[in-house]
Amino acid sequence: MQIKDFDYNLPTELIAQTPVEPRDSARLLVDQGSGLALHRQVRDFIDFCRPGDVVVVNDTKVIPARLRLVRESGGAAEVLLLEQDSTAPFKWEALIRPAKRLKLGETLFASDNSEVVRIGDRTKAGDTFSVELVGEMRDDVEALLKKYGEMPLPPYIETRLEQADRYQTVYANRPASAAAPTAGLHFTPKLLTDLKSAGIKLLTVDLTVGLDTFAPVTSENPLEHPMHSEHYRVTQETLEECARAERVIAVGTTATRALESAATSGVLSGRTKMFISRGYEFKVVDLLLTNFHMPRTTLLMMIEAFVGPRWRDLYSVAIAERYRMLSFGDAMLLNRHL
């Protein structure tokens, strides 16, 4: 396996800069195996579900984790909070910029001169840092982030997001993640109600979306790519419901990773470094509703593991039909059994 196996030409103009309204009006490319893909909208997703299916979503909630701060010298700095230290609530793992210039122990300030963050050591991962929240508001993280933080949109989205809740699923629950589980952004309360009315059970899992959303694969052999661990939680009831279901439809790669991590390890809650790639045998998920992903990413490797090499044909069709790509883009429904 080589990283070039997961490359494709992504036209810049197809990278969606804003979400569509309403949410479920996004286009949906429906995988038909060796047949021609169907072109629908996400609101039609229910037409491809059957009684006895379960739909599993990741209900993690995105926090306004991007802090644009100032050094004592006046230079700009940025901190992206990734995950809170469970043993020391003031401490977080974070990405920082400019990483090479910021010094150990340096304090960063908000635009009103309030102390906000102190820089700590590099973590074992090497590309992140331990940082500590400081100042008068550090005891109330939610208030601090509400006052100084921004939604951590991916760097390829350059348009200002007018409504912060559009980078949040309608069923978001536990505030934790540094990025949205983007396939779920397409769901509306009505679509969820319609699914339940049709006898489709909606189940939730929790996977904290962290660094691997931002970290590209740089190794020529992608299997050498170091996966960063992410916290997940799957209840025993959810696993049992999945085992009884006719089919399990996961909404997004993060819901997939949580389910497969729990089923493979037998551990319902903890941290996962699971790298789903070519040759992996899926134990739970039958269908996958997902957005289109960046080239050369672990997410695209999961898609190949799920449907094999036909992912290229599906992406080619999507690009030819001018589908909107990436986080605020359109979606596709994949079936690994076709």
C-alpha atoms as a PDB file:
ATOM      1  CA  MET A   1       0.000   0.000   0.000  1.00  0.00           C
ATOM      2  CA  GLN A   2       1.245   3.493  -0.882  1.00  0.00           C
ATOM      3  CA  ILE A   3      -0.144   6.901  -0.033  1.00  0.00           C
ATOM      4  CA  LYS A   4      -0.555   7.657  -3.746  1.00  0.00           C
ATOM      5  CA  ASP A   5      -3.225   4.919  -3.798  1.00  0.00           C
ATOM      6  CA  PHE A   6      -5.450   7.372  -1.953  1.00  0.00           C
ATOM      7  CA  ASP A   7      -4.847  10.438  -4.072  1.00  0.00           C
ATOM      8  CA  TYR A   8      -7.324  12.055  -6.446  1.00  0.00           C
ATOM      9  CA  ASN A   9      -7.745  15.414  -8.113  1.00  0.00           C
ATOM     10  CA  LEU A  10      -9.994  17.580  -5.948  1.00  0.00           C
ATOM     11  CA  PRO A  11     -11.077  20.745  -7.807  1.00  0.00           C
ATOM     12  CA  THR A  12     -10.752  23.670  -5.427  1.00  0.00           C
ATOM     13  CA  GLU A  13     -14.028  25.182  -6.602  1.00  0.00           C
ATOM     14  CA  LEU A  14     -15.922  22.094  -5.402  1.00  0.00           C
ATOM     15  CA  ILE A  15     -14.798  22.493  -1.774  1.00  0.00           C
ATOM     16  CA  ALA A  16     -17.976  23.708  -0.072  1.00  0.00           C
ATOM     17  CA  GLN A  17     -17.419  26.934   1.826  1.00  0.00           C
ATOM     18  CA  THR A  18     -20.875  27.172   3.359  1.00  0.00           C
ATOM     19  CA  PRO A  19     -23.532  24.607   4.337  1.00  0.00           C
ATOM     20  CA  VAL A  20     -26.729  24.307   2.298  1.00  0.00           C
ATOM     21  CA  GLU A  21     -30.165  25.119   3.683  1.00  0.00           C
ATOM     22  CA  PRO A  22     -32.135  23.232   4.708  1.00  0.00           C
ATOM     23  CA  ARG A  23     -29.615  20.701   5.984  1.00  0.00           C
ATOM     24  CA  ASP A  24     -31.225  17.690   4.310  1.00  0.00           C
ATOM     25  CA  SER A  25     -31.292  19.341   0.872  1.00  0.00           C
ATOM     26  CA  ALA A  26     -27.647  18.297   0.409  1.00  0.00           C
ATOM     27  CA  ARG A  27     -27.153  15.870  -2.460  1.00  0.00           C
ATOM     28  CA  LEU A  28     -26.782  12.156  -1.779  1.00  0.00           C
ATOM     29  CA  LEU A  29     -24.816   9.835  -4.064  1.00  0.00           C
ATOM     30  CA  VAL A  30     -26.166   6.325  -3.515  1.00  0.00           C
ATOM     31  CA  ASP A  31     -23.776   3.436  -4.116  1.00  0.00           C
ATOM     32  CA  GLN A  32     -25.238   0.685  -6.344  1.00  0.00           C
ATOM     33  CA  GLY A  33     -22.198  -1.559  -6.458  1.00  0.00           C
ATOM     34  CA  SER A  34     -21.442  -2.426 -10.103  1.00  0.00           C
ATOM     35  CA  GLY A  35     -24.541  -0.492 -11.226  1.00  0.00           C
ATOM     36  CA  LEU A  36     -24.849   3.219 -11.885  1.00  0.00           C
ATOM     37  CA  ALA A  37     -24.916   5.336  -8.736  1.00  0.00           C
ATOM     38  CA  LEU A  38     -28.169   7.099  -7.914  1.00  0.00           C
ATOM     39  CA  HIS A  39     -28.430  10.845  -7.398  1.00  0.00           C
ATOM     40  CA  ARG A  40     -30.770  11.859  -4.595  1.00  0.00           C
ATOM     41  CA  GLN A  41     -30.895  14.245  -1.639  1.00  0.00           C
ATOM     42  CA  VAL A  42     -30.243  13.469   2.012  1.00  0.00           C
ATOM     43  CA  ARG A  43     -33.961  13.873   2.739  1.00  0.00           C
ATOM     44  CA  ASP A  44     -34.395  10.725   0.592  1.00  0.00           C
ATOM     45  CA  PHE A  45     -32.112   8.718   2.900  1.00  0.00           C
ATOM     46  CA  ILE A  46     -35.168   7.137   4.505  1.00  0.00           C
ATOM     47  CA  ASP A  47     -36.060   5.505   1.153  1.00  0.00           C
ATOM     48  CA  PHE A  48     -32.915   3.378   1.420  1.00  0.00           C
ATOM     49  CA  CYS A  49     -33.632   2.212   4.968  1.00  0.00           C
ATOM     50  CA  ARG A  50     -35.672  -0.864   5.880  1.00  0.00           C
ATOM     51  CA  PRO A  51     -37.713  -1.833   8.911  1.00  0.00           C
ATOM     52  CA  GLY A  52     -35.322  -3.602  11.238  1.00  0.00           C
ATOM     53  CA  ASP A  53     -32.400  -1.338  10.369  1.00  0.00           C
ATOM     54  CA  VAL A  54     -30.698   0.773  13.008  1.00  0.00           C
ATOM     55  CA  VAL A  55     -29.056   4.118  12.313  1.00  0.00           C
ATOM     56  CA  VAL A  56     -26.104   4.983  14.548  1.00  0.00           C
ATOM     57  CA  VAL A  57     -24.910   8.566  15.033  1.00  0.00           C
ATOM     58  CA  ASN A  58     -22.021  10.138  16.919  1.00  0.00           C
ATOM     59  CA  ASP A  59     -23.622  12.672  19.265  1.00  0.00           C
ATOM     60  CA  THR A  60     -20.416  14.399  20.331  1.00  0.00           C
ATOM     61  CA  LYS A  61     -20.656  18.188  20.463  1.00  0.00           C
ATOM     62  CA  VAL A  62     -18.092  20.580  19.010  1.00  0.00           C
ATOM     63  CA  ILE A  63     -16.629  23.157  21.359  1.00  0.00           C
ATOM     64  CA  PRO A  64     -15.410  26.616  20.210  1.00  0.00           C
ATOM     65  CA  ALA A  65     -11.883  25.357  20.666  1.00  0.00           C
ATOM     66  CA  ARG A  66      -9.914  27.760  18.443  1.00  0.00           C
ATOM     67  CA  LEU A  67      -8.344  30.590  20.441  1.00  0.00           C
ATOM     68  CA  ARG A  68      -6.800  33.499  18.535  1.00  0.00           C
ATOM     69  CA  LEU A  69      -4.420  35.030  21.053  1.00  0.00           C
ATOM     70  CA  VAL A  70      -1.554  37.476  21.378  1.00  0.00           C
ATOM     71  CA  ARG A  71       1.980  37.042  22.715  1.00  0.00           C
ATOM     72  CA  GLU A  72       3.432  39.499  25.212  1.00  0.00           C
ATOM     73  CA  SER A  73       5.572  40.785  22.339  1.00  0.00           C
ATOM     74  CA  GLY A  74       2.422  41.610  20.372  1.00  0.00           C
ATOM     75  CA  GLY A  75       2.747  38.796  17.848  1.00  0.00           C
ATOM     76  CA  ALA A  76      -0.237  36.670  16.931  1.00  0.00           C
ATOM     77  CA  ALA A  77      -0.631  33.108  18.206  1.00  0.00           C
ATOM     78  CA  GLU A  78      -3.283  30.465  17.874  1.00  0.00           C
ATOM     79  CA  VAL A  79      -4.221  27.564  20.142  1.00  0.00           C
ATOM     80  CA  LEU A  80      -6.556  24.770  19.078  1.00  0.00           C
ATOM     81  CA  LEU A  81      -7.695  22.822  22.139  1.00  0.00           C
ATOM     82  CA  LEU A  82      -8.010  19.124  21.291  1.00  0.00           C
ATOM     83  CA  GLU A  83      -8.759  17.261  24.499  1.00  0.00           C
ATOM     84  CA  GLN A  84      -8.993  18.029  28.190  1.00  0.00           C
ATOM     85  CA  ASP A  85      -6.716  16.171  30.583  1.00  0.00           C
ATOM     86  CA  SER A  86      -8.966  13.928  32.675  1.00  0.00           C
ATOM     87  CA  THR A  87      -6.641  14.192  35.683  1.00  0.00           C
ATOM     88  CA  ALA A  88      -5.911  17.926  35.480  1.00  0.00           C
ATOM     89  CA  PRO A  89      -8.944  19.885  34.213  1.00  0.00           C
ATOM     90  CA  PHE A  90      -6.983  23.071  33.489  1.00  0.00           C
ATOM     91  CA  LYS A  91      -4.630  21.203  31.152  1.00  0.00           C
ATOM     92  CA  TRP A  92      -5.363  20.365  27.509  1.00  0.00           C
ATOM     93  CA  GLU A  93      -3.643  18.751  24.570  1.00  0.00           C
ATOM     94  CA  ALA A  94      -3.475  21.362  21.835  1.00  0.00           C
ATOM     95  CA  LEU A  95      -2.117  22.368  18.473  1.00  0.00           C
ATOM     96  CA  ILE A  96      -0.325  25.714  18.637  1.00  0.00           C
ATOM     97  CA  ARG A  97       0.964  28.220  16.101  1.00  0.00           C
ATOM     98  CA  PRO A  98       3.700  29.334  15.605  1.00  0.00           C
ATOM     99  CA  ALA A  99       4.902  26.127  17.269  1.00  0.00           C
ATOM    100  CA  LYS A 100       8.611  26.770  16.671  1.00  0.00           C
ATOM    101  CA  ARG A 101       8.539  30.248  18.166  1.00  0.00           C
ATOM    102  CA  LEU A 102       6.370  29.832  21.245  1.00  0.00           C
ATOM    103  CA  LYS A 103       8.415  29.102  24.354  1.00  0.00           C
ATOM    104  CA  LEU A 104       7.868  26.735  27.255  1.00  0.00           C
ATOM    105  CA  GLY A 105       6.080  28.655  30.016  1.00  0.00           C
ATOM    106  CA  GLU A 106       5.046  31.515  27.725  1.00  0.00           C
ATOM    107  CA  THR A 107       1.657  33.084  28.485  1.00  0.00           C
ATOM    108  CA  LEU A 108      -0.733  34.061  25.709  1.00  0.00           C
ATOM    109  CA  PHE A 109      -3.339  36.805  26.065  1.00  0.00           C
ATOM    110  CA  ALA A 110      -6.770  37.627  24.678  1.00  0.00           C
ATOM    111  CA  SER A 111      -7.355  40.888  22.813  1.00  0.00           C
ATOM    112  CA  ASP A 112      -8.544  42.459  26.100  1.00  0.00           C
ATOM    113  CA  ASN A 113      -5.155  41.614  27.682  1.00  0.00           C
ATOM    114  CA  SER A 114      -6.595  38.820  29.835  1.00  0.00           C
ATOM    115  CA  GLU A 115      -4.291  35.867  30.435  1.00  0.00           C
ATOM    116  CA  VAL A 116      -5.727  32.766  28.766  1.00  0.00           C
ATOM    117  CA  VAL A 117      -3.149  30.046  28.012  1.00  0.00           C
ATOM    118  CA  ARG A 118       0.313  29.027  29.225  1.00  0.00           C
ATOM    119  CA  ILE A 119       2.433  26.873  26.882  1.00  0.00           C
ATOM    120  CA  GLY A 120       3.716  23.573  28.232  1.00  0.00           C
ATOM    121  CA  ASP A 121       5.845  20.726  26.887  1.00  0.00           C
ATOM    122  CA  ARG A 122       5.415  18.811  23.681  1.00  0.00           C
ATOM    123  CA  THR A 123       3.379  15.652  24.120  1.00  0.00           C
ATOM    124  CA  LYS A 124       4.668  12.180  23.323  1.00  0.00           C
ATOM    125  CA  ALA A 125       2.938  12.427  19.953  1.00  0.00           C
ATOM    126  CA  GLY A 126       5.419  15.152  19.030  1.00  0.00           C
ATOM    127  CA  ASP A 127       3.097  17.387  17.049  1.00  0.00           C
ATOM    128  CA  THR A 128       0.912  18.601  19.901  1.00  0.00           C
ATOM    129  CA  PHE A 129       1.564  20.428  23.161  1.00  0.00           C
ATOM    130  CA  SER A 130       0.305  20.382  26.696  1.00  0.00           C
ATOM    131  CA  VAL A 131      -1.166  23.783  27.527  1.00  0.00           C
ATOM    132  CA  GLU A 132      -2.741  25.146  30.691  1.00  0.00           C
ATOM    133  CA  LEU A 133      -5.677  27.511  30.947  1.00  0.00           C
ATOM    134  CA  VAL A 134      -4.841  30.455  33.170  1.00  0.00           C
ATOM    135  CA  GLY A 135      -6.482  33.651  34.313  1.00  0.00           C
ATOM    136  CA  GLU A 136      -9.706  34.482  36.105  1.00  0.00           C
ATOM    137  CA  MET A 137     -11.971  32.426  33.832  1.00  0.00           C
ATOM    138  CA  ARG A 138     -10.089  29.138  33.857  1.00  0.00           C
ATOM    139  CA  ASP A 139     -12.524  27.650  36.403  1.00  0.00           C
ATOM    140  CA  ASP A 140     -15.356  28.011  33.879  1.00  0.00           C
ATOM    141  CA  VAL A 141     -14.111  26.527  30.614  1.00  0.00           C
ATOM    142  CA  GLU A 142     -17.488  26.853  28.920  1.00  0.00           C
ATOM    143  CA  ALA A 143     -17.675  30.576  29.661  1.00  0.00           C
ATOM    144  CA  LEU A 144     -14.033  31.096  28.668  1.00  0.00           C
ATOM    145  CA  LEU A 145     -14.523  29.422  25.285  1.00  0.00           C
ATOM    146  CA  LYS A 146     -17.821  31.198  24.708  1.00  0.00           C
ATOM    147  CA  LYS A 147     -16.081  34.547  25.246  1.00  0.00           C
ATOM    148  CA  TYR A 148     -12.792  33.957  23.432  1.00  0.00           C
ATOM    149  CA  GLY A 149     -13.183  30.820  21.314  1.00  0.00           C
ATOM    150  CA  GLU A 150     -14.270  30.183  17.749  1.00  0.00           C
ATOM    151  CA  MET A 151     -15.643  27.102  16.039  1.00  0.00           C
ATOM    152  CA  PRO A 152     -12.602  25.170  14.741  1.00  0.00           C
ATOM    153  CA  LEU A 153     -13.489  25.042  11.052  1.00  0.00           C
ATOM    154  CA  PRO A 154     -11.053  23.141   8.813  1.00  0.00           C
ATOM    155  CA  PRO A 155      -8.402  25.329   7.149  1.00  0.00           C
ATOM    156  CA  TYR A 156      -9.871  24.780   3.676  1.00  0.00           C
ATOM    157  CA  ILE A 157     -13.035  26.648   4.724  1.00  0.00           C
ATOM    158  CA  GLU A 158     -12.201  30.305   4.263  1.00  0.00           C
ATOM    159  CA  THR A 159     -15.699  31.792   4.438  1.00  0.00           C
ATOM    160  CA  ARG A 160     -16.869  33.075   7.799  1.00  0.00           C
ATOM    161  CA  LEU A 161     -19.592  30.927   9.346  1.00  0.00           C
ATOM    162  CA  GLU A 162     -22.526  33.177  10.200  1.00  0.00           C
ATOM    163  CA  GLN A 163     -24.289  30.686  12.478  1.00  0.00           C
ATOM    164  CA  ALA A 164     -22.017  28.640  14.752  1.00  0.00           C
ATOM    165  CA  ASP A 165     -24.687  25.953  15.209  1.00  0.00           C
ATOM    166  CA  ARG A 166     -24.376  25.006  11.532  1.00  0.00           C
ATOM    167  CA  TYR A 167     -21.113  23.268  12.453  1.00  0.00           C
ATOM    168  CA  GLN A 168     -23.058  21.281  15.021  1.00  0.00           C
ATOM    169  CA  THR A 169     -25.400  18.329  14.559  1.00  0.00           C
ATOM    170  CA  VAL A 170     -28.986  18.804  15.720  1.00  0.00           C
ATOM    171  CA  TYR A 171     -28.525  15.894  18.148  1.00  0.00           C
ATOM    172  CA  ALA A 172     -25.157  17.015  19.587  1.00  0.00           C
ATOM    173  CA  ASN A 173     -24.926  16.200  23.275  1.00  0.00           C
ATOM    174  CA  ARG A 174     -21.623  16.065  25.199  1.00  0.00           C
ATOM    175  CA  PRO A 175     -19.293  19.046  24.541  1.00  0.00           C
ATOM    176  CA  ALA A 176     -15.876  17.587  23.742  1.00  0.00           C
ATOM    177  CA  SER A 177     -14.824  17.587  20.100  1.00  0.00           C
ATOM    178  CA  ALA A 178     -12.476  19.797  18.102  1.00  0.00           C
ATOM    179  CA  ALA A 179     -14.330  19.019  14.860  1.00  0.00           C
ATOM    180  CA  ALA A 180     -17.825  18.021  13.837  1.00  0.00           C
ATOM    181  CA  PRO A 181     -18.864  14.524  12.771  1.00  0.00           C
ATOM    182  CA  THR A 182     -19.773  16.085   9.451  1.00  0.00           C
ATOM    183  CA  ALA A 183     -22.027  13.407   7.937  1.00  0.00           C
ATOM    184  CA  GLY A 184     -24.467  14.141  10.742  1.00  0.00           C
ATOM    185  CA  LEU A 185     -24.694  17.820   9.802  1.00  0.00           C
ATOM    186  CA  HIS A 186     -27.226  16.839   7.119  1.00  0.00           C
ATOM    187  CA  PHE A 187     -29.854  15.562   9.537  1.00  0.00           C
ATOM    188  CA  THR A 188     -32.890  17.631  10.498  1.00  0.00           C
ATOM    189  CA  PRO A 189     -35.348  17.041  13.354  1.00  0.00           C
ATOM    190  CA  LYS A 190     -37.965  16.097  10.750  1.00  0.00           C
ATOM    191  CA  LEU A 191     -35.721  13.497   9.120  1.00  0.00           C
ATOM    192  CA  LEU A 192     -35.016  11.962  12.526  1.00  0.00           C
ATOM    193  CA  THR A 193     -38.740  11.867  13.321  1.00  0.00           C
ATOM    194  CA  ASP A 194     -39.528  10.319   9.932  1.00  0.00           C
ATOM    195  CA  LEU A 195     -36.929   7.587  10.500  1.00  0.00           C
ATOM    196  CA  LYS A 196     -38.430   6.698  13.878  1.00  0.00           C
ATOM    197  CA  SER A 197     -41.949   6.702  12.406  1.00  0.00           C
ATOM    198  CA  ALA A 198     -40.762   4.255   9.757  1.00  0.00           C
ATOM    199  CA  GLY A 199     -39.582   1.822  12.411  1.00  0.00           C
ATOM    200  CA  ILE A 200     -35.891   2.708  12.133  1.00  0.00           C
ATOM    201  CA  LYS A 201     -34.163   2.842  15.508  1.00  0.00           C
ATOM    202  CA  LEU A 202     -31.758   5.702  16.137  1.00  0.00           C
ATOM    203  CA  LEU A 203     -28.804   4.805  18.362  1.00  0.00           C
ATOM    204  CA  THR A 204     -25.978   7.004  19.641  1.00  0.00           C
ATOM    205  CA  VAL A 205     -22.296   6.504  20.275  1.00  0.00           C
ATOM    206  CA  ASP A 206     -19.673   9.001  21.352  1.00  0.00           C
ATOM    207  CA  LEU A 207     -16.284   9.475  19.727  1.00  0.00           C
ATOM    208  CA  THR A 208     -14.351  12.632  20.508  1.00  0.00           C
ATOM    209  CA  VAL A 209     -13.167  13.961  17.155  1.00  0.00           C
ATOM    210  CA  GLY A 210      -9.555  15.024  17.596  1.00  0.00           C
ATOM    211  CA  LEU A 211      -6.198  15.417  15.929  1.00  0.00           C
ATOM    212  CA  ASP A 212      -6.550  12.848  13.159  1.00  0.00           C
ATOM    213  CA  THR A 213      -9.169  15.074  11.577  1.00  0.00           C
ATOM    214  CA  PHE A 214      -6.392  17.645  11.081  1.00  0.00           C
ATOM    215  CA  ALA A 215      -3.319  15.458  10.606  1.00  0.00           C
ATOM    216  CA  PRO A 216      -2.480  14.483   7.015  1.00  0.00           C
ATOM    217  CA  VAL A 217      -0.768  11.203   6.198  1.00  0.00           C
ATOM    218  CA  THR A 218       2.839  12.019   5.331  1.00  0.00           C
ATOM    219  CA  SER A 219       4.356   8.532   5.207  1.00  0.00           C
ATOM    220  CA  GLU A 220       4.763   6.966   1.770  1.00  0.00           C
ATOM    221  CA  ASN A 221       3.586   3.749   3.389  1.00  0.00           C
ATOM    222  CA  PRO A 222       0.349   4.853   5.086  1.00  0.00           C
ATOM    223  CA  LEU A 223       0.465   1.915   7.486  1.00  0.00           C
ATOM    224  CA  GLU A 224       3.403   3.714   9.133  1.00  0.00           C
ATOM    225  CA  HIS A 225       1.150   6.678   9.916  1.00  0.00           C
ATOM    226  CA  PRO A 226       0.902   7.119  13.712  1.00  0.00           C
ATOM    227  CA  MET A 227      -2.768   7.185  14.708  1.00  0.00           C
ATOM    228  CA  HIS A 228      -3.587   9.430  17.646  1.00  0.00           C
ATOM    229  CA  SER A 229      -5.931   7.935  20.204  1.00  0.00           C
ATOM    230  CA  GLU A 230      -9.447   9.302  20.608  1.00  0.00           C
ATOM    231  CA  HIS A 231     -11.937   8.687  23.382  1.00  0.00           C
ATOM    232  CA  TYR A 232     -15.021   6.649  22.516  1.00  0.00           C
ATOM    233  CA  ARG A 233     -18.046   5.233  24.306  1.00  0.00           C
ATOM    234  CA  VAL A 234     -20.524   2.604  23.100  1.00  0.00           C
ATOM    235  CA  THR A 235     -23.149   1.224  25.459  1.00  0.00           C
ATOM    236  CA  GLN A 236     -23.804  -2.488  25.808  1.00  0.00           C
ATOM    237  CA  GLU A 237     -27.412  -1.822  24.792  1.00  0.00           C
ATOM    238  CA  THR A 238     -26.269  -0.205  21.541  1.00  0.00           C
ATOM    239  CA  LEU A 239     -24.046  -3.153  20.659  1.00  0.00           C
ATOM    240  CA  GLU A 240     -26.865  -5.568  21.411  1.00  0.00           C
ATOM    241  CA  GLU A 241     -29.309  -3.566  19.293  1.00  0.00           C
ATOM    242  CA  CYS A 242     -26.797  -3.623  16.436  1.00  0.00           C
ATOM    243  CA  ALA A 243     -26.420  -7.397  16.766  1.00  0.00           C
ATOM    244  CA  ARG A 244     -30.210  -7.848  16.492  1.00  0.00           C
ATOM    245  CA  ALA A 245     -30.656  -5.401  13.610  1.00  0.00           C
ATOM    246  CA  GLU A 246     -31.245  -6.378  10.012  1.00  0.00           C
ATOM    247  CA  ARG A 247     -28.607  -3.851   9.005  1.00  0.00           C
ATOM    248  CA  VAL A 248     -26.468  -1.291  10.822  1.00  0.00           C
ATOM    249  CA  ILE A 249     -26.194   2.074   9.086  1.00  0.00           C
ATOM    250  CA  ALA A 250     -23.462   4.279  10.541  1.00  0.00           C
ATOM    251  CA  VAL A 251     -23.662   8.022  10.052  1.00  0.00           C
ATOM    252  CA  GLY A 252     -20.061   9.031   9.497  1.00  0.00           C
ATOM    253  CA  THR A 253     -16.607   7.555   9.871  1.00  0.00           C
ATOM    254  CA  THR A 254     -16.444   8.468  13.566  1.00  0.00           C
ATOM    255  CA  ALA A 255     -19.569   6.466  14.428  1.00  0.00           C
ATOM    256  CA  THR A 256     -18.072   3.616  12.396  1.00  0.00           C
ATOM    257  CA  ARG A 257     -14.769   3.810  14.253  1.00  0.00           C
ATOM    258  CA  ALA A 258     -16.507   3.787  17.631  1.00  0.00           C
ATOM    259  CA  LEU A 259     -18.660   0.752  16.800  1.00  0.00           C
ATOM    260  CA  GLU A 260     -15.837  -1.235  15.253  1.00  0.00           C
ATOM    261  CA  SER A 261     -13.464  -0.356  18.100  1.00  0.00           C
ATOM    262  CA  ALA A 262     -15.914  -1.620  20.699  1.00  0.00           C
ATOM    263  CA  ALA A 263     -16.731  -4.780  18.739  1.00  0.00           C
ATOM    264  CA  THR A 264     -13.087  -5.592  18.003  1.00  0.00           C
ATOM    265  CA  SER A 265     -11.617  -4.884  21.443  1.00  0.00           C
ATOM    266  CA  GLY A 266     -14.587  -5.891  23.580  1.00  0.00           C
ATOM    267  CA  VAL A 267     -14.045  -2.639  25.509  1.00  0.00           C
ATOM    268  CA  LEU A 268     -17.106  -0.379  25.563  1.00  0.00           C
ATOM    269  CA  SER A 269     -15.401   2.816  26.666  1.00  0.00           C
ATOM    270  CA  GLY A 270     -11.826   4.024  26.462  1.00  0.00           C
ATOM    271  CA  ARG A 271      -9.349   5.213  23.878  1.00  0.00           C
ATOM    272  CA  THR A 272      -8.943   3.858  20.380  1.00  0.00           C
ATOM    273  CA  LYS A 273      -6.073   3.972  17.909  1.00  0.00           C
ATOM    274  CA  MET A 274      -7.901   1.718  15.466  1.00  0.00           C
ATOM    275  CA  PHE A 275      -6.668   2.275  11.902  1.00  0.00           C
ATOM    276  CA  ILE A 276      -9.299   0.877   9.546  1.00  0.00           C
ATOM    277  CA  SER A 277      -7.623   0.218   6.225  1.00  0.00           C
ATOM    278  CA  ARG A 278      -7.427  -2.269   3.379  1.00  0.00           C
ATOM    279  CA  GLY A 279      -8.122  -5.829   4.534  1.00  0.00           C
ATOM    280  CA  TYR A 280     -10.033  -4.918   7.693  1.00  0.00           C
ATOM    281  CA  GLU A 281     -13.060  -7.180   8.307  1.00  0.00           C
ATOM    282  CA  PHE A 282     -16.020  -5.107   9.451  1.00  0.00           C
ATOM    283  CA  LYS A 283     -17.871  -6.592  12.393  1.00  0.00           C
ATOM    284  CA  VAL A 284     -20.822  -4.230  12.835  1.00  0.00           C
ATOM    285  CA  VAL A 285     -21.426  -1.651  10.112  1.00  0.00           C
ATOM    286  CA  ASP A 286     -23.233  -2.627   6.900  1.00  0.00           C
ATOM    287  CA  LEU A 287     -23.957   0.755   5.321  1.00  0.00           C
ATOM    288  CA  LEU A 288     -22.121   4.038   5.772  1.00  0.00           C
ATOM    289  CA  LEU A 289     -23.488   7.528   5.202  1.00  0.00           C
ATOM    290  CA  THR A 290     -20.463   9.791   4.819  1.00  0.00           C
ATOM    291  CA  ASN A 291     -19.248  13.028   3.307  1.00  0.00           C
ATOM    292  CA  PHE A 292     -16.493  13.171   0.695  1.00  0.00           C
ATOM    293  CA  HIS A 293     -12.999  13.271   2.194  1.00  0.00           C
ATOM    294  CA  MET A 294      -9.680  14.911   1.491  1.00  0.00           C
ATOM    295  CA  PRO A 295      -7.121  12.980  -0.592  1.00  0.00           C
ATOM    296  CA  ARG A 296      -4.364  11.099   1.255  1.00  0.00           C
ATOM    297  CA  THR A 297      -6.272  10.751   4.542  1.00  0.00           C
ATOM    298  CA  THR A 298      -7.010   7.897   6.908  1.00  0.00           C
ATOM    299  CA  LEU A 299     -10.707   8.613   6.327  1.00  0.00           C
ATOM    300  CA  LEU A 300     -10.340   7.784   2.650  1.00  0.00           C
ATOM    301  CA  MET A 301      -8.493   4.596   3.611  1.00  0.00           C
ATOM    302  CA  MET A 302     -11.508   3.590   5.701  1.00  0.00           C
ATOM    303  CA  ILE A 303     -13.763   4.174   2.678  1.00  0.00           C
ATOM    304  CA  GLU A 304     -11.551   1.903   0.570  1.00  0.00           C
ATOM    305  CA  ALA A 305     -11.662  -0.748   3.271  1.00  0.00           C
ATOM    306  CA  PHE A 306     -15.453  -0.489   3.202  1.00  0.00           C
ATOM    307  CA  VAL A 307     -16.210  -0.652  -0.539  1.00  0.00           C
ATOM    308  CA  GLY A 308     -12.889  -1.505  -2.134  1.00  0.00           C
ATOM    309  CA  PRO A 309     -11.463   0.199  -5.220  1.00  0.00           C
ATOM    310  CA  ARG A 310     -14.859   1.372  -6.502  1.00  0.00           C
ATOM    311  CA  TRP A 311     -14.488   4.404  -4.255  1.00  0.00           C
ATOM    312  CA  ARG A 312     -12.545   5.913  -7.152  1.00  0.00           C
ATOM    313  CA  ASP A 313     -15.481   5.481  -9.512  1.00  0.00           C
ATOM    314  CA  LEU A 314     -17.865   7.012  -6.987  1.00  0.00           C
ATOM    315  CA  TYR A 315     -15.589   9.998  -6.432  1.00  0.00           C
ATOM    316  CA  SER A 316     -15.140  10.430 -10.193  1.00  0.00           C
ATOM    317  CA  VAL A 317     -18.909  10.490 -10.653  1.00  0.00           C
ATOM    318  CA  ALA A 318     -19.323  12.982  -7.813  1.00  0.00           C
ATOM    319  CA  ILE A 319     -16.712  15.321  -9.261  1.00  0.00           C
ATOM    320  CA  ALA A 320     -18.130  15.031 -12.793  1.00  0.00           C
ATOM    321  CA  GLU A 321     -21.607  15.817 -11.420  1.00  0.00           C
ATOM    322  CA  ARG A 322     -20.232  18.791  -9.457  1.00  0.00           C
ATOM    323  CA  TYR A 323     -21.048  17.494  -6.001  1.00  0.00           C
ATOM    324  CA  ARG A 324     -19.970  19.773  -3.153  1.00  0.00           C
ATOM    325  CA  MET A 325     -17.011  18.265  -1.299  1.00  0.00           C
ATOM    326  CA  LEU A 326     -15.651  17.936   2.250  1.00  0.00           C
ATOM    327  CA  SER A 327     -17.092  19.136   5.575  1.00  0.00           C
ATOM    328  CA  PHE A 328     -19.908  21.380   4.343  1.00  0.00           C
ATOM    329  CA  GLY A 329     -20.384  19.338   1.187  1.00  0.00           C
ATOM    330  CA  ASP A 330     -22.729  16.625  -0.011  1.00  0.00           C
ATOM    331  CA  ALA A 331     -22.883  12.995   1.103  1.00  0.00           C
ATOM    332  CA  MET A 332     -22.849   9.455  -0.199  1.00  0.00           C
ATOM    333  CA  LEU A 333     -24.439   6.239   1.033  1.00  0.00           C
ATOM    334  CA  LEU A 334     -22.113   3.213   0.763  1.00  0.00           C
ATOM    335  CA  ASN A 335     -23.040  -0.459   1.018  1.00  0.00           C
ATOM    336  CA  ARG A 336     -20.167  -2.849   1.631  1.00  0.00           C
ATOM    337  CA  HIS A 337     -22.256  -5.869   0.640  1.00  0.00           C
ATOM    338  CA  LEU A 338     -22.763  -4.822  -3.003  1.00  0.00           C
END
